[in-house]
Amino acid sequence: MGRTKRKLATEVAEYDVRTKILHWVFAAGILYASAVGYALHFIPPGRIHTGLSHLNMSLASVLILLFPFRVWWRIVRPEPAPPQGLSVGQVHAARMIQTVIYAAIFAVLASGYLMVPDGYWFFGFAWVPTPFAKGAATDFFFMVHRIGCAALVSLVGLHLGGVILHTFVKPIGLLRRMA
Protein backbone atom coordinates (compact mmCIF):
# COMPACT_ATOMS: atom_id res chain seq x y z
CA MET A 1 0.00 0.00 0.00
CA GLY A 2 1.39 3.47 -0.91
CA ARG A 3 2.12 6.28 1.51
CA THR A 4 -0.74 8.55 2.32
CA LYS A 5 -0.44 12.32 2.57
CA ARG A 6 -0.98 12.14 6.34
CA LYS A 7 2.00 11.24 8.50
CA LEU A 8 1.66 8.25 10.73
CA ALA A 9 1.51 9.00 14.47
CA THR A 10 5.01 7.55 14.92
CA GLU A 11 6.57 9.75 12.23
CA VAL A 12 8.13 13.10 13.03
CA ALA A 13 7.28 16.23 11.05
CA GLU A 14 10.70 17.41 9.87
CA TYR A 15 11.97 20.78 8.78
CA ASP A 16 12.82 21.22 5.11
CA VAL A 17 16.39 20.85 3.85
CA ARG A 18 16.96 24.61 3.44
CA THR A 19 15.94 25.25 7.05
CA LYS A 20 18.18 22.44 8.28
CA ILE A 21 21.19 23.74 6.35
CA LEU A 22 20.68 27.30 7.60
CA HIS A 23 20.20 26.05 11.17
CA TRP A 24 23.42 24.02 11.21
CA VAL A 25 25.48 26.68 9.39
CA PHE A 26 24.42 29.25 11.99
CA ALA A 27 24.86 26.78 14.86
CA ALA A 28 28.41 25.95 13.77
CA GLY A 29 29.23 29.60 13.11
CA ILE A 30 27.88 30.77 16.45
CA LEU A 31 29.60 28.02 18.43
CA TYR A 32 32.93 28.61 16.67
CA ALA A 33 32.75 32.41 16.89
CA SER A 34 31.77 32.25 20.56
CA ALA A 35 34.64 29.93 21.45
CA VAL A 36 37.24 31.87 19.46
CA GLY A 37 35.84 35.24 20.53
CA TYR A 38 36.23 34.37 24.19
CA ALA A 39 39.63 32.73 23.59
CA LEU A 40 40.91 35.94 21.95
CA HIS A 41 40.77 37.62 25.36
CA PHE A 42 43.54 35.26 26.51
CA ILE A 43 45.73 35.28 23.38
CA PRO A 44 48.38 38.01 23.37
CA PRO A 45 48.46 40.48 20.47
CA GLY A 46 50.37 39.18 17.48
CA ARG A 47 49.96 37.12 14.34
CA ILE A 48 47.86 34.36 15.92
CA HIS A 49 45.51 36.85 17.58
CA THR A 50 45.16 38.89 14.39
CA GLY A 51 44.63 35.80 12.22
CA LEU A 52 41.96 34.33 14.50
CA SER A 53 40.31 37.72 14.86
CA HIS A 54 40.10 38.23 11.09
CA LEU A 55 38.86 34.67 10.59
CA ASN A 56 36.19 35.27 13.23
CA MET A 57 35.11 38.50 11.54
CA SER A 58 35.11 36.81 8.12
CA LEU A 59 32.88 33.97 9.31
CA ALA A 60 30.60 36.48 11.02
CA SER A 61 30.43 38.39 7.72
CA VAL A 62 29.13 35.25 6.02
CA LEU A 63 26.46 34.98 8.72
CA ILE A 64 25.59 38.67 8.26
CA LEU A 65 25.02 38.04 4.55
CA LEU A 66 22.92 34.92 5.25
CA PHE A 67 20.91 36.38 8.14
CA PRO A 68 18.29 38.33 6.12
CA PHE A 69 17.66 35.23 4.01
CA ARG A 70 17.34 33.10 7.14
CA VAL A 71 14.80 35.50 8.67
CA TRP A 72 12.86 35.72 5.40
CA TRP A 73 12.83 31.92 5.07
CA ARG A 74 11.62 31.51 8.64
CA ILE A 75 8.71 33.83 7.88
CA VAL A 76 7.63 32.29 4.55
CA ARG A 77 8.37 28.58 4.96
CA PRO A 78 5.66 26.22 6.11
CA GLU A 79 6.07 25.34 9.78
CA PRO A 80 6.07 21.60 10.48
CA ALA A 81 3.52 20.40 12.99
CA PRO A 82 4.81 20.51 16.56
CA PRO A 83 6.01 17.20 17.95
CA GLN A 84 3.43 15.14 19.75
CA GLY A 85 3.92 15.24 23.49
CA LEU A 86 4.46 18.99 23.83
CA SER A 87 1.85 21.16 25.47
CA VAL A 88 0.63 24.33 23.78
CA GLY A 89 2.58 26.29 26.39
CA GLN A 90 5.79 24.42 25.61
CA VAL A 91 5.33 25.05 21.88
CA HIS A 92 4.78 28.78 22.50
CA ALA A 93 7.77 28.94 24.87
CA ALA A 94 10.02 27.23 22.31
CA ARG A 95 8.91 29.60 19.54
CA MET A 96 9.41 32.61 21.80
CA ILE A 97 12.94 31.47 22.71
CA GLN A 98 13.71 30.90 19.02
CA THR A 99 12.51 34.43 18.22
CA VAL A 100 14.65 35.91 21.00
CA ILE A 101 17.62 33.88 19.68
CA TYR A 102 17.11 35.53 16.28
CA ALA A 103 17.08 38.97 17.95
CA ALA A 104 20.26 38.13 19.86
CA ILE A 105 21.96 36.89 16.68
CA PHE A 106 21.09 40.18 14.98
CA ALA A 107 22.41 42.20 17.94
CA VAL A 108 25.66 40.19 18.07
CA LEU A 109 26.28 40.36 14.32
CA ALA A 110 25.45 44.08 14.03
CA SER A 111 27.44 45.12 17.11
CA GLY A 112 30.31 42.84 16.08
CA TYR A 113 30.62 44.65 12.76
CA LEU A 114 30.17 48.11 14.30
CA MET A 115 32.74 47.54 17.07
CA VAL A 116 35.60 46.86 14.64
CA PRO A 117 37.67 50.01 14.16
CA ASP A 118 38.88 50.89 10.68
CA GLY A 119 37.95 47.64 8.87
CA TYR A 120 39.23 44.09 8.45
CA TRP A 121 40.33 41.56 5.84
CA PHE A 122 37.58 39.20 4.64
CA PHE A 123 39.31 35.80 4.52
CA GLY A 124 42.54 37.63 3.68
CA PHE A 125 41.53 38.76 0.18
CA ALA A 126 39.04 41.64 0.43
CA TRP A 127 39.17 44.68 2.69
CA VAL A 128 35.89 45.36 4.49
CA PRO A 129 35.61 48.94 5.73
CA THR A 130 33.80 49.64 8.98
CA PRO A 131 32.16 52.95 9.87
CA PHE A 132 34.13 54.01 12.95
CA ALA A 133 37.70 54.66 14.02
CA LYS A 134 38.73 53.45 17.48
CA GLY A 135 36.88 55.54 20.03
CA ALA A 136 33.65 55.96 21.95
CA ALA A 137 31.44 54.39 19.24
CA THR A 138 33.55 51.23 18.88
CA ASP A 139 33.85 50.98 22.68
CA PHE A 140 30.05 51.22 22.99
CA PHE A 141 29.43 48.56 20.35
CA PHE A 142 32.08 46.34 21.94
CA MET A 143 30.11 46.52 25.21
CA VAL A 144 26.85 45.77 23.36
CA HIS A 145 28.59 42.88 21.61
CA ARG A 146 29.87 41.34 24.85
CA ILE A 147 26.43 41.57 26.48
CA GLY A 148 24.80 40.20 23.32
CA CYS A 149 27.26 37.29 23.16
CA ALA A 150 26.59 36.40 26.80
CA ALA A 151 22.83 36.55 26.16
CA LEU A 152 23.16 34.48 22.99
CA VAL A 153 25.27 31.81 24.70
CA SER A 154 22.68 31.65 27.50
CA LEU A 155 19.80 31.35 25.02
CA VAL A 156 21.62 28.68 23.01
CA GLY A 157 22.21 26.83 26.29
CA LEU A 158 18.49 27.01 27.03
CA HIS A 159 17.74 25.78 23.51
CA LEU A 160 20.21 22.89 23.89
CA GLY A 161 18.67 22.05 27.26
CA GLY A 162 15.29 21.68 25.58
CA VAL A 163 16.78 19.52 22.85
CA ILE A 164 18.52 17.29 25.40
CA LEU A 165 15.38 17.04 27.53
CA HIS A 166 13.19 16.09 24.58
CA THR A 167 15.77 13.75 23.04
CA PHE A 168 16.94 11.75 26.05
CA VAL A 169 14.75 12.40 29.12
CA LYS A 170 11.30 12.76 27.55
CA PRO A 171 11.97 11.61 23.98
CA ILE A 172 9.60 12.97 21.35
CA GLY A 173 11.82 12.84 18.26
CA LEU A 174 12.77 16.51 18.53
CA LEU A 175 16.33 16.19 17.23
CA ARG A 176 15.20 14.20 14.18
CA ARG A 177 13.21 17.25 13.02
CA MET A 178 16.43 19.17 12.39
CA ALA A 179 18.79 16.27 11.55
Foldseek 3Di string as FASTA:
>chain_A
DDDDPDDDLLDDFADDPVLLVLVVLVVVLLVLLLVLVVVLVVDDDDDVSQVSLQANLLSLVVCVVCLVVNVVCVVPPDDTDDFPPDDPVRVVVLVVLVVVLSVLSVLLSVLVQQLDAQFHANVNPDTDGHDHHPDDRSVVSVVSNVVSSVVNVVSVVVVVVVVCCCVPVVPRCVVVNSD
